[in-house]
Amino acid sequence: MDIYLALTSIRRSLRVQGVTLPEVPDFVTQHGFQGLELSDRDLGSHNPHHAEPLRHRCQALGCGLVYDVNCDLTLADPLRWQAQVGYVKQMLPFAHGLGARALRICLGGQLLSIQGLLRRFSGSTDNSPAQQGARSDHRAASLKGLLLNRCTLQLARTARRHLPARIPHLGEKTQRAIAALREIIPIAAQLRLPVVIENHWGISARPEPILQVVDTLNTPWLGTCPDFGNFPRSVDRYHGLRLLAPKALHAQAKSWRFDRNGEERSIDYQRALGILREARYDGPIAIEYEGPENDLEACLRTRALILKHWHA
């Protein structure tokens, strides 16, 4: 079982230590992680040439990679929906070129989201990478910085945990997500690059719509990405994990705060990891730390928790 590290979890440490993106694989492997989870928001360009130094370092170090794509496959407007589908299609060969083992997505569908605001004001994912560059300006960059800063993201994460998981027009949105993935999965199959759906607000706040999508398409190139911490309060965390784990192709271990014994205060790691083991999950587990402590130290504590309880 390999333990990956989400780049979003260590942004503060990377900034303080002056680590550039091509140096991130060295940084994570030096600290004992076997792989990296990278988001499309972490890259200034989706030009394969610009990403080549990162790919080279991952390959040289044997550093695994999962690529996260922010999208909304539930949009009612046909042109915006098709633009989102097209964006994911474009990201599949890009991620494959990076050497990614999976492409992680969220289905979308929430009424208000950071991704939606980015899309509305800057068109960040409604166009091809070349078009994005052409439309990019100082205002768009400033807006992106504002929406993706630490405080804004923390507010969004808190809302995700505490707001009710009621989604208007859930059935219609789920059908649009299925239709989108019918177009996307043939490309994933051709590239042999699995697509994994994370439980992450919107129509995928609850496990049942995710499973509806996965079961309807019924392909080995589409699976789940159970995240220990993303379930809203109205969903029992461990019941949700039990539903998602049998279809898991990737997993995420969330952490926020630790007690005196080093255990995560909100999540029973022994129970959560036990659910993955019972489902015979043997893929990577990516750490996503979202708390206030030193981010690198907290990620190392989370890794220690995984190692402690995986064989318990």
C-alpha atoms as a PDB file:
ATOM      1  CA  MET A   1       0.000   0.000   0.000  1.00  0.00           C
ATOM      2  CA  ASP A   2       1.543   3.278  -1.168  1.00  0.00           C
ATOM      3  CA  ILE A   3       0.906   6.608   0.537  1.00  0.00           C
ATOM      4  CA  TYR A   4       0.605   9.654  -1.708  1.00  0.00           C
ATOM      5  CA  LEU A   5       0.566  13.301  -0.700  1.00  0.00           C
ATOM      6  CA  ALA A   6      -1.777  15.942  -2.143  1.00  0.00           C
ATOM      7  CA  LEU A   7       0.136  19.037  -3.160  1.00  0.00           C
ATOM      8  CA  THR A   8      -2.682  21.200  -1.780  1.00  0.00           C
ATOM      9  CA  SER A   9      -1.821  19.856   1.693  1.00  0.00           C
ATOM     10  CA  ILE A  10       1.727  21.234   1.728  1.00  0.00           C
ATOM     11  CA  ARG A  11       1.436  24.535  -0.132  1.00  0.00           C
ATOM     12  CA  ARG A  12       2.618  26.523   2.883  1.00  0.00           C
ATOM     13  CA  SER A  13       5.747  24.416   3.342  1.00  0.00           C
ATOM     14  CA  LEU A  14       6.526  24.493  -0.362  1.00  0.00           C
ATOM     15  CA  ARG A  15       6.195  28.273  -0.402  1.00  0.00           C
ATOM     16  CA  VAL A  16       8.305  28.798   2.722  1.00  0.00           C
ATOM     17  CA  GLN A  17      11.043  26.467   1.492  1.00  0.00           C
ATOM     18  CA  GLY A  18      10.965  27.840  -2.035  1.00  0.00           C
ATOM     19  CA  VAL A  19      10.167  24.502  -3.677  1.00  0.00           C
ATOM     20  CA  THR A  20       9.173  24.851  -7.333  1.00  0.00           C
ATOM     21  CA  LEU A  21       6.680  22.549  -9.027  1.00  0.00           C
ATOM     22  CA  PRO A  22       9.305  20.404 -10.835  1.00  0.00           C
ATOM     23  CA  GLU A  23      11.020  19.932  -7.445  1.00  0.00           C
ATOM     24  CA  VAL A  24       7.858  18.679  -5.688  1.00  0.00           C
ATOM     25  CA  PRO A  25       8.463  14.981  -6.557  1.00  0.00           C
ATOM     26  CA  ASP A  26      11.906  15.226  -4.900  1.00  0.00           C
ATOM     27  CA  PHE A  27      10.345  16.907  -1.869  1.00  0.00           C
ATOM     28  CA  VAL A  28       7.600  14.323  -1.311  1.00  0.00           C
ATOM     29  CA  THR A  29       9.825  11.286  -1.895  1.00  0.00           C
ATOM     30  CA  GLN A  30      12.502  12.674   0.414  1.00  0.00           C
ATOM     31  CA  HIS A  31       9.867  12.772   3.142  1.00  0.00           C
ATOM     32  CA  GLY A  32       8.884   9.144   2.615  1.00  0.00           C
ATOM     33  CA  PHE A  33       5.844   9.402   0.336  1.00  0.00           C
ATOM     34  CA  GLN A  34       5.492   7.187  -2.712  1.00  0.00           C
ATOM     35  CA  GLY A  35       3.438   9.506  -4.862  1.00  0.00           C
ATOM     36  CA  LEU A  36       1.870  12.881  -5.467  1.00  0.00           C
ATOM     37  CA  GLU A  37      -1.662  14.080  -6.078  1.00  0.00           C
ATOM     38  CA  LEU A  38      -1.647  17.130  -8.319  1.00  0.00           C
ATOM     39  CA  SER A  39      -4.556  19.408  -9.301  1.00  0.00           C
ATOM     40  CA  ASP A  40      -5.149  21.227 -12.562  1.00  0.00           C
ATOM     41  CA  ARG A  41      -5.282  24.370 -10.392  1.00  0.00           C
ATOM     42  CA  ASP A  42      -1.639  23.805  -9.454  1.00  0.00           C
ATOM     43  CA  LEU A  43      -0.423  24.279 -13.020  1.00  0.00           C
ATOM     44  CA  GLY A  44      -0.028  27.619 -14.741  1.00  0.00           C
ATOM     45  CA  SER A  45      -0.192  25.926 -18.135  1.00  0.00           C
ATOM     46  CA  HIS A  46      -1.436  22.663 -19.605  1.00  0.00           C
ATOM     47  CA  ASN A  47       1.164  22.744 -22.327  1.00  0.00           C
ATOM     48  CA  PRO A  48       2.843  19.295 -22.255  1.00  0.00           C
ATOM     49  CA  HIS A  49       6.202  20.935 -22.944  1.00  0.00           C
ATOM     50  CA  HIS A  50       5.915  23.050 -19.795  1.00  0.00           C
ATOM     51  CA  ALA A  51       4.983  19.965 -17.742  1.00  0.00           C
ATOM     52  CA  GLU A  52       7.912  17.904 -19.019  1.00  0.00           C
ATOM     53  CA  PRO A  53      10.289  18.683 -16.085  1.00  0.00           C
ATOM     54  CA  LEU A  54       7.654  17.457 -13.620  1.00  0.00           C
ATOM     55  CA  ARG A  55       7.031  14.276 -15.612  1.00  0.00           C
ATOM     56  CA  HIS A  56      10.751  13.625 -15.864  1.00  0.00           C
ATOM     57  CA  ARG A  57      11.313  13.944 -12.101  1.00  0.00           C
ATOM     58  CA  CYS A  58       8.352  11.691 -11.283  1.00  0.00           C
ATOM     59  CA  GLN A  59       9.637   9.060 -13.683  1.00  0.00           C
ATOM     60  CA  ALA A  60      13.227   9.304 -12.460  1.00  0.00           C
ATOM     61  CA  LEU A  61      12.210   8.976  -8.794  1.00  0.00           C
ATOM     62  CA  GLY A  62       9.453   6.383  -9.260  1.00  0.00           C
ATOM     63  CA  CYS A  63       7.046   8.929  -7.805  1.00  0.00           C
ATOM     64  CA  GLY A  64       3.445   7.964  -8.540  1.00  0.00           C
ATOM     65  CA  LEU A  65       0.973  10.582  -9.704  1.00  0.00           C
ATOM     66  CA  VAL A  66      -2.775  11.099  -9.618  1.00  0.00           C
ATOM     67  CA  TYR A  67      -4.117  14.097 -11.523  1.00  0.00           C
ATOM     68  CA  ASP A  68      -7.164  15.981 -10.218  1.00  0.00           C
ATOM     69  CA  VAL A  69      -9.453  17.801 -12.658  1.00  0.00           C
ATOM     70  CA  ASN A  70     -11.981  20.346 -11.404  1.00  0.00           C
ATOM     71  CA  CYS A  71     -15.146  20.196 -13.464  1.00  0.00           C
ATOM     72  CA  ASP A  72     -18.926  20.226 -13.360  1.00  0.00           C
ATOM     73  CA  LEU A  73     -20.549  17.554 -15.517  1.00  0.00           C
ATOM     74  CA  THR A  74     -24.093  18.395 -14.403  1.00  0.00           C
ATOM     75  CA  LEU A  75     -24.641  21.787 -16.064  1.00  0.00           C
ATOM     76  CA  ALA A  76     -28.030  22.279 -17.723  1.00  0.00           C
ATOM     77  CA  ASP A  77     -26.834  24.656 -20.436  1.00  0.00           C
ATOM     78  CA  PRO A  78     -25.778  22.444 -23.393  1.00  0.00           C
ATOM     79  CA  LEU A  79     -22.870  24.628 -24.487  1.00  0.00           C
ATOM     80  CA  ARG A  80     -21.412  24.950 -20.990  1.00  0.00           C
ATOM     81  CA  TRP A  81     -21.965  21.235 -20.369  1.00  0.00           C
ATOM     82  CA  GLN A  82     -20.168  20.307 -23.579  1.00  0.00           C
ATOM     83  CA  ALA A  83     -17.318  22.667 -22.710  1.00  0.00           C
ATOM     84  CA  GLN A  84     -16.849  20.872 -19.392  1.00  0.00           C
ATOM     85  CA  VAL A  85     -16.929  17.474 -21.103  1.00  0.00           C
ATOM     86  CA  GLY A  86     -14.410  18.720 -23.642  1.00  0.00           C
ATOM     87  CA  TYR A  87     -12.132  19.997 -20.888  1.00  0.00           C
ATOM     88  CA  VAL A  88     -12.020  16.603 -19.161  1.00  0.00           C
ATOM     89  CA  LYS A  89     -11.373  14.933 -22.517  1.00  0.00           C
ATOM     90  CA  GLN A  90      -8.410  17.249 -23.049  1.00  0.00           C
ATOM     91  CA  MET A  91      -7.045  16.570 -19.596  1.00  0.00           C
ATOM     92  CA  LEU A  92      -6.992  12.800 -20.097  1.00  0.00           C
ATOM     93  CA  PRO A  93      -4.102  12.749 -22.618  1.00  0.00           C
ATOM     94  CA  PHE A  94      -2.370  15.497 -20.648  1.00  0.00           C
ATOM     95  CA  ALA A  95      -2.533  13.419 -17.450  1.00  0.00           C
ATOM     96  CA  HIS A  96      -1.467  10.330 -19.386  1.00  0.00           C
ATOM     97  CA  GLY A  97       1.544  12.239 -20.674  1.00  0.00           C
ATOM     98  CA  LEU A  98       2.463  13.136 -17.100  1.00  0.00           C
ATOM     99  CA  GLY A  99       2.446   9.440 -16.243  1.00  0.00           C
ATOM    100  CA  ALA A 100      -0.625   9.636 -13.994  1.00  0.00           C
ATOM    101  CA  ARG A 101      -2.128   6.368 -12.754  1.00  0.00           C
ATOM    102  CA  ALA A 102      -5.631   7.879 -12.453  1.00  0.00           C
ATOM    103  CA  LEU A 103      -7.626  11.002 -13.207  1.00  0.00           C
ATOM    104  CA  ARG A 104      -9.718  12.151 -10.253  1.00  0.00           C
ATOM    105  CA  ILE A 105     -12.853  14.210 -10.776  1.00  0.00           C
ATOM    106  CA  CYS A 106     -15.833  15.546  -8.865  1.00  0.00           C
ATOM    107  CA  LEU A 107     -19.200  15.469 -10.581  1.00  0.00           C
ATOM    108  CA  GLY A 108     -20.317  18.990  -9.592  1.00  0.00           C
ATOM    109  CA  GLY A 109     -23.904  20.084  -9.160  1.00  0.00           C
ATOM    110  CA  GLN A 110     -23.736  22.347  -6.120  1.00  0.00           C
ATOM    111  CA  LEU A 111     -25.551  25.667  -6.319  1.00  0.00           C
ATOM    112  CA  LEU A 112     -22.482  27.713  -5.346  1.00  0.00           C
ATOM    113  CA  SER A 113     -18.899  26.602  -5.774  1.00  0.00           C
ATOM    114  CA  ILE A 114     -15.419  28.045  -6.165  1.00  0.00           C
ATOM    115  CA  GLN A 115     -15.127  26.215  -9.473  1.00  0.00           C
ATOM    116  CA  GLY A 116     -18.366  27.757 -10.663  1.00  0.00           C
ATOM    117  CA  LEU A 117     -17.173  31.247  -9.772  1.00  0.00           C
ATOM    118  CA  LEU A 118     -13.879  30.669 -11.560  1.00  0.00           C
ATOM    119  CA  ARG A 119     -15.758  29.420 -14.598  1.00  0.00           C
ATOM    120  CA  ARG A 120     -18.183  32.352 -14.557  1.00  0.00           C
ATOM    121  CA  PHE A 121     -15.673  35.155 -14.221  1.00  0.00           C
ATOM    122  CA  SER A 122     -12.569  33.824 -15.941  1.00  0.00           C
ATOM    123  CA  GLY A 123     -13.717  30.946 -18.137  1.00  0.00           C
ATOM    124  CA  SER A 124     -10.969  28.841 -16.568  1.00  0.00           C
ATOM    125  CA  THR A 125     -12.397  25.469 -17.581  1.00  0.00           C
ATOM    126  CA  ASP A 126     -14.855  26.291 -20.345  1.00  0.00           C
ATOM    127  CA  ASN A 127     -12.184  26.495 -23.012  1.00  0.00           C
ATOM    128  CA  SER A 128      -9.173  24.720 -24.333  1.00  0.00           C
ATOM    129  CA  PRO A 129      -5.839  25.423 -22.611  1.00  0.00           C
ATOM    130  CA  ALA A 130      -4.848  27.713 -25.506  1.00  0.00           C
ATOM    131  CA  GLN A 131      -8.073  29.676 -25.219  1.00  0.00           C
ATOM    132  CA  GLN A 132      -7.627  29.934 -21.462  1.00  0.00           C
ATOM    133  CA  GLY A 133      -4.240  31.524 -21.997  1.00  0.00           C
ATOM    134  CA  ALA A 134      -5.614  33.940 -24.561  1.00  0.00           C
ATOM    135  CA  ARG A 135      -8.377  35.109 -22.204  1.00  0.00           C
ATOM    136  CA  SER A 136      -6.238  35.301 -19.139  1.00  0.00           C
ATOM    137  CA  ASP A 137      -5.607  38.823 -17.805  1.00  0.00           C
ATOM    138  CA  HIS A 138      -4.623  40.554 -14.587  1.00  0.00           C
ATOM    139  CA  ARG A 139      -8.203  40.679 -13.280  1.00  0.00           C
ATOM    140  CA  ALA A 140      -8.750  36.971 -13.884  1.00  0.00           C
ATOM    141  CA  ALA A 141      -5.470  36.130 -12.165  1.00  0.00           C
ATOM    142  CA  SER A 142      -6.380  38.305  -9.189  1.00  0.00           C
ATOM    143  CA  LEU A 143      -9.792  36.670  -8.927  1.00  0.00           C
ATOM    144  CA  LYS A 144      -8.265  33.215  -9.044  1.00  0.00           C
ATOM    145  CA  GLY A 145      -5.839  34.163  -6.292  1.00  0.00           C
ATOM    146  CA  LEU A 146      -8.698  35.463  -4.159  1.00  0.00           C
ATOM    147  CA  LEU A 147     -10.882  32.394  -4.649  1.00  0.00           C
ATOM    148  CA  LEU A 148      -8.078  29.899  -4.106  1.00  0.00           C
ATOM    149  CA  ASN A 149      -6.457  31.510  -1.084  1.00  0.00           C
ATOM    150  CA  ARG A 150      -6.236  29.621   2.185  1.00  0.00           C
ATOM    151  CA  CYS A 151      -9.085  31.412   3.978  1.00  0.00           C
ATOM    152  CA  THR A 152     -11.558  31.064   1.105  1.00  0.00           C
ATOM    153  CA  LEU A 153     -10.784  27.387   0.628  1.00  0.00           C
ATOM    154  CA  GLN A 154     -11.112  26.746   4.353  1.00  0.00           C
ATOM    155  CA  LEU A 155     -14.511  28.446   4.384  1.00  0.00           C
ATOM    156  CA  ALA A 156     -15.647  26.297   1.458  1.00  0.00           C
ATOM    157  CA  ARG A 157     -14.433  23.132   3.186  1.00  0.00           C
ATOM    158  CA  THR A 158     -16.281  24.035   6.376  1.00  0.00           C
ATOM    159  CA  ALA A 159     -19.465  24.691   4.411  1.00  0.00           C
ATOM    160  CA  ARG A 160     -19.101  21.344   2.641  1.00  0.00           C
ATOM    161  CA  ARG A 161     -19.061  19.521   5.965  1.00  0.00           C
ATOM    162  CA  HIS A 162     -21.907  21.418   7.622  1.00  0.00           C
ATOM    163  CA  LEU A 163     -24.437  22.362   4.950  1.00  0.00           C
ATOM    164  CA  PRO A 164     -27.259  19.910   4.161  1.00  0.00           C
ATOM    165  CA  ALA A 165     -26.594  17.551   1.280  1.00  0.00           C
ATOM    166  CA  ARG A 166     -29.801  18.480  -0.558  1.00  0.00           C
ATOM    167  CA  ILE A 167     -29.296  19.027  -4.274  1.00  0.00           C
ATOM    168  CA  PRO A 168     -32.122  20.445  -6.444  1.00  0.00           C
ATOM    169  CA  HIS A 169     -32.892  18.378  -9.562  1.00  0.00           C
ATOM    170  CA  LEU A 170     -30.611  15.581  -8.378  1.00  0.00           C
ATOM    171  CA  GLY A 171     -31.974  13.032 -10.845  1.00  0.00           C
ATOM    172  CA  GLU A 172     -31.526  15.303 -13.854  1.00  0.00           C
ATOM    173  CA  LYS A 173     -28.014  16.282 -12.793  1.00  0.00           C
ATOM    174  CA  THR A 174     -27.052  12.665 -12.256  1.00  0.00           C
ATOM    175  CA  GLN A 175     -28.257  11.765 -15.748  1.00  0.00           C
ATOM    176  CA  ARG A 176     -26.207  14.606 -17.244  1.00  0.00           C
ATOM    177  CA  ALA A 177     -23.125  13.345 -15.379  1.00  0.00           C
ATOM    178  CA  ILE A 178     -23.737   9.856 -16.782  1.00  0.00           C
ATOM    179  CA  ALA A 179     -24.099  11.272 -20.297  1.00  0.00           C
ATOM    180  CA  ALA A 180     -20.856  13.221 -19.871  1.00  0.00           C
ATOM    181  CA  LEU A 181     -18.919  10.190 -18.740  1.00  0.00           C
ATOM    182  CA  ARG A 182     -20.281   8.139 -21.642  1.00  0.00           C
ATOM    183  CA  GLU A 183     -18.279  10.512 -23.839  1.00  0.00           C
ATOM    184  CA  ILE A 184     -15.242  10.646 -21.565  1.00  0.00           C
ATOM    185  CA  ILE A 185     -14.685   6.993 -20.631  1.00  0.00           C
ATOM    186  CA  PRO A 186     -13.865   5.685 -24.154  1.00  0.00           C
ATOM    187  CA  ILE A 187     -10.858   8.008 -24.181  1.00  0.00           C
ATOM    188  CA  ALA A 188      -9.864   6.858 -20.685  1.00  0.00           C
ATOM    189  CA  ALA A 189     -10.117   3.237 -21.828  1.00  0.00           C
ATOM    190  CA  GLN A 190      -8.015   3.919 -24.905  1.00  0.00           C
ATOM    191  CA  LEU A 191      -5.327   5.528 -22.739  1.00  0.00           C
ATOM    192  CA  ARG A 192      -5.769   2.892 -20.004  1.00  0.00           C
ATOM    193  CA  LEU A 193      -6.167   5.726 -17.507  1.00  0.00           C
ATOM    194  CA  PRO A 194      -8.938   5.161 -14.929  1.00  0.00           C
ATOM    195  CA  VAL A 195     -11.280   7.983 -13.946  1.00  0.00           C
ATOM    196  CA  VAL A 196     -12.205   8.083 -10.251  1.00  0.00           C
ATOM    197  CA  ILE A 197     -15.075  10.021  -8.673  1.00  0.00           C
ATOM    198  CA  GLU A 198     -14.488  11.601  -5.274  1.00  0.00           C
ATOM    199  CA  ASN A 199     -17.270  12.154  -2.756  1.00  0.00           C
ATOM    200  CA  HIS A 200     -17.101  15.927  -2.818  1.00  0.00           C
ATOM    201  CA  TRP A 201     -20.209  18.084  -2.350  1.00  0.00           C
ATOM    202  CA  GLY A 202     -22.659  18.558  -5.216  1.00  0.00           C
ATOM    203  CA  ILE A 203     -24.373  15.394  -6.455  1.00  0.00           C
ATOM    204  CA  SER A 204     -21.461  13.372  -5.103  1.00  0.00           C
ATOM    205  CA  ALA A 205     -21.900  14.579  -1.517  1.00  0.00           C
ATOM    206  CA  ARG A 206     -23.793  11.340  -0.917  1.00  0.00           C
ATOM    207  CA  PRO A 207     -22.470   7.954  -2.034  1.00  0.00           C
ATOM    208  CA  GLU A 208     -25.659   6.779  -3.763  1.00  0.00           C
ATOM    209  CA  PRO A 209     -25.451   9.097  -6.833  1.00  0.00           C
ATOM    210  CA  ILE A 210     -21.778   8.208  -7.287  1.00  0.00           C
ATOM    211  CA  LEU A 211     -22.641   4.516  -7.290  1.00  0.00           C
ATOM    212  CA  GLN A 212     -25.523   5.128  -9.673  1.00  0.00           C
ATOM    213  CA  VAL A 213     -23.091   6.709 -12.135  1.00  0.00           C
ATOM    214  CA  VAL A 214     -20.439   4.001 -11.705  1.00  0.00           C
ATOM    215  CA  ASP A 215     -22.900   1.096 -11.871  1.00  0.00           C
ATOM    216  CA  THR A 216     -24.750   2.498 -14.880  1.00  0.00           C
ATOM    217  CA  LEU A 217     -21.564   2.777 -16.938  1.00  0.00           C
ATOM    218  CA  ASN A 218     -20.175  -0.505 -15.565  1.00  0.00           C
ATOM    219  CA  THR A 219     -16.605  -0.250 -16.823  1.00  0.00           C
ATOM    220  CA  PRO A 220     -13.238  -1.011 -15.223  1.00  0.00           C
ATOM    221  CA  TRP A 221     -12.104   2.475 -16.265  1.00  0.00           C
ATOM    222  CA  LEU A 222     -14.479   4.245 -13.872  1.00  0.00           C
ATOM    223  CA  GLY A 223     -14.450   3.870 -10.102  1.00  0.00           C
ATOM    224  CA  THR A 224     -14.769   5.713  -6.826  1.00  0.00           C
ATOM    225  CA  CYS A 225     -12.337   7.720  -4.736  1.00  0.00           C
ATOM    226  CA  PRO A 226     -13.558   7.458  -1.127  1.00  0.00           C
ATOM    227  CA  ASP A 227     -12.465  10.452   0.921  1.00  0.00           C
ATOM    228  CA  PHE A 228     -12.590   9.851   4.682  1.00  0.00           C
ATOM    229  CA  GLY A 229     -13.631  13.400   5.495  1.00  0.00           C
ATOM    230  CA  ASN A 230     -15.801  14.849   2.731  1.00  0.00           C
ATOM    231  CA  PHE A 231     -19.173  13.498   3.811  1.00  0.00           C
ATOM    232  CA  PRO A 232     -21.617  16.133   5.121  1.00  0.00           C
ATOM    233  CA  ARG A 233     -23.032  15.745   8.602  1.00  0.00           C
ATOM    234  CA  SER A 234     -26.231  14.177   7.274  1.00  0.00           C
ATOM    235  CA  VAL A 235     -24.251  11.214   5.908  1.00  0.00           C
ATOM    236  CA  ASP A 236     -22.724   8.616   8.231  1.00  0.00           C
ATOM    237  CA  ARG A 237     -19.038   8.629   7.344  1.00  0.00           C
ATOM    238  CA  TYR A 238     -18.437   4.910   7.799  1.00  0.00           C
ATOM    239  CA  HIS A 239     -21.629   3.833   6.038  1.00  0.00           C
ATOM    240  CA  GLY A 240     -20.593   6.015   3.100  1.00  0.00           C
ATOM    241  CA  LEU A 241     -17.132   4.470   3.044  1.00  0.00           C
ATOM    242  CA  ARG A 242     -18.611   0.961   3.111  1.00  0.00           C
ATOM    243  CA  LEU A 243     -20.716   1.784   0.066  1.00  0.00           C
ATOM    244  CA  LEU A 244     -17.876   3.368  -1.924  1.00  0.00           C
ATOM    245  CA  ALA A 245     -14.964   1.099  -0.972  1.00  0.00           C
ATOM    246  CA  PRO A 246     -15.844  -1.920  -3.166  1.00  0.00           C
ATOM    247  CA  LYS A 247     -15.629   0.279  -6.288  1.00  0.00           C
ATOM    248  CA  ALA A 248     -12.543   2.235  -5.149  1.00  0.00           C
ATOM    249  CA  LEU A 249      -9.641   2.787  -7.529  1.00  0.00           C
ATOM    250  CA  HIS A 250      -8.087   5.532  -5.385  1.00  0.00           C
ATOM    251  CA  ALA A 251      -8.628   6.776  -1.822  1.00  0.00           C
ATOM    252  CA  GLN A 252      -7.996   9.913   0.203  1.00  0.00           C
ATOM    253  CA  ALA A 253      -7.212  10.146   3.905  1.00  0.00           C
ATOM    254  CA  LYS A 254      -8.413  13.482   5.252  1.00  0.00           C
ATOM    255  CA  SER A 255      -7.080  15.020   8.461  1.00  0.00           C
ATOM    256  CA  TRP A 256      -7.707  18.243  10.388  1.00  0.00           C
ATOM    257  CA  ARG A 257      -6.600  17.991  14.033  1.00  0.00           C
ATOM    258  CA  PHE A 258      -4.925  15.416  16.253  1.00  0.00           C
ATOM    259  CA  ASP A 259      -5.295  14.454  19.893  1.00  0.00           C
ATOM    260  CA  ARG A 260      -2.503  13.804  22.399  1.00  0.00           C
ATOM    261  CA  ASN A 261      -2.132  10.227  21.163  1.00  0.00           C
ATOM    262  CA  GLY A 262      -1.696  11.322  17.578  1.00  0.00           C
ATOM    263  CA  GLU A 263      -5.155  10.139  16.508  1.00  0.00           C
ATOM    264  CA  GLU A 264      -7.310  12.246  14.199  1.00  0.00           C
ATOM    265  CA  ARG A 265     -10.005  13.865  16.342  1.00  0.00           C
ATOM    266  CA  SER A 266     -12.872  13.595  13.856  1.00  0.00           C
ATOM    267  CA  ILE A 267     -12.116  10.342  12.035  1.00  0.00           C
ATOM    268  CA  ASP A 268     -11.574   6.858  13.434  1.00  0.00           C
ATOM    269  CA  TYR A 269      -8.671   5.850  11.208  1.00  0.00           C
ATOM    270  CA  GLN A 270      -8.653   2.262  12.404  1.00  0.00           C
ATOM    271  CA  ARG A 271     -12.294   1.904  11.400  1.00  0.00           C
ATOM    272  CA  ALA A 272     -11.946   3.782   8.098  1.00  0.00           C
ATOM    273  CA  LEU A 273      -8.870   1.849   7.005  1.00  0.00           C
ATOM    274  CA  GLY A 274     -10.488  -1.386   8.131  1.00  0.00           C
ATOM    275  CA  ILE A 275     -13.345  -0.706   5.701  1.00  0.00           C
ATOM    276  CA  LEU A 276     -10.871  -0.335   2.840  1.00  0.00           C
ATOM    277  CA  ARG A 277      -9.110  -3.558   3.822  1.00  0.00           C
ATOM    278  CA  GLU A 278     -12.394  -5.469   4.025  1.00  0.00           C
ATOM    279  CA  ALA A 279     -13.148  -4.310   0.481  1.00  0.00           C
ATOM    280  CA  ARG A 280      -9.722  -5.667  -0.587  1.00  0.00           C
ATOM    281  CA  TYR A 281      -8.566  -2.224  -1.625  1.00  0.00           C
ATOM    282  CA  ASP A 282      -4.861  -2.291  -2.495  1.00  0.00           C
ATOM    283  CA  GLY A 283      -4.299   1.028  -4.289  1.00  0.00           C
ATOM    284  CA  PRO A 284      -2.657   4.217  -3.047  1.00  0.00           C
ATOM    285  CA  ILE A 285      -4.037   6.333  -0.227  1.00  0.00           C
ATOM    286  CA  ALA A 286      -3.467  10.069  -0.703  1.00  0.00           C
ATOM    287  CA  ILE A 287      -3.217  12.324   2.340  1.00  0.00           C
ATOM    288  CA  GLU A 288      -5.213  15.562   2.300  1.00  0.00           C
ATOM    289  CA  TYR A 289      -4.514  17.739   5.330  1.00  0.00           C
ATOM    290  CA  GLU A 290      -6.771  20.778   5.824  1.00  0.00           C
ATOM    291  CA  GLY A 291      -6.001  21.922   9.352  1.00  0.00           C
ATOM    292  CA  PRO A 292      -4.227  24.903  10.948  1.00  0.00           C
ATOM    293  CA  GLU A 293      -0.985  23.213  12.080  1.00  0.00           C
ATOM    294  CA  ASN A 294       2.343  23.006  10.265  1.00  0.00           C
ATOM    295  CA  ASP A 295       1.166  21.279   7.113  1.00  0.00           C
ATOM    296  CA  LEU A 296       4.180  19.038   6.476  1.00  0.00           C
ATOM    297  CA  GLU A 297       4.353  17.868  10.086  1.00  0.00           C
ATOM    298  CA  ALA A 298       0.604  17.161  10.050  1.00  0.00           C
ATOM    299  CA  CYS A 299       0.938  15.142   6.839  1.00  0.00           C
ATOM    300  CA  LEU A 300       3.709  13.088   8.415  1.00  0.00           C
ATOM    301  CA  ARG A 301       1.471  12.472  11.447  1.00  0.00           C
ATOM    302  CA  THR A 302      -1.314  11.389   9.125  1.00  0.00           C
ATOM    303  CA  ARG A 303       1.030   8.993   7.366  1.00  0.00           C
ATOM    304  CA  ALA A 304       2.026   7.544  10.730  1.00  0.00           C
ATOM    305  CA  LEU A 305      -1.666   6.991  11.498  1.00  0.00           C
ATOM    306  CA  ILE A 306      -2.178   5.120   8.221  1.00  0.00           C
ATOM    307  CA  LEU A 307       0.849   2.904   8.833  1.00  0.00           C
ATOM    308  CA  LYS A 308      -0.243   2.286  12.421  1.00  0.00           C
ATOM    309  CA  HIS A 309      -3.779   1.167  11.573  1.00  0.00           C
ATOM    310  CA  TRP A 310      -3.446  -0.418   8.129  1.00  0.00           C
ATOM    311  CA  HIS A 311      -2.283  -3.729   9.580  1.00  0.00           C
ATOM    312  CA  ALA A 312      -4.041  -3.377  12.950  1.00  0.00           C
END
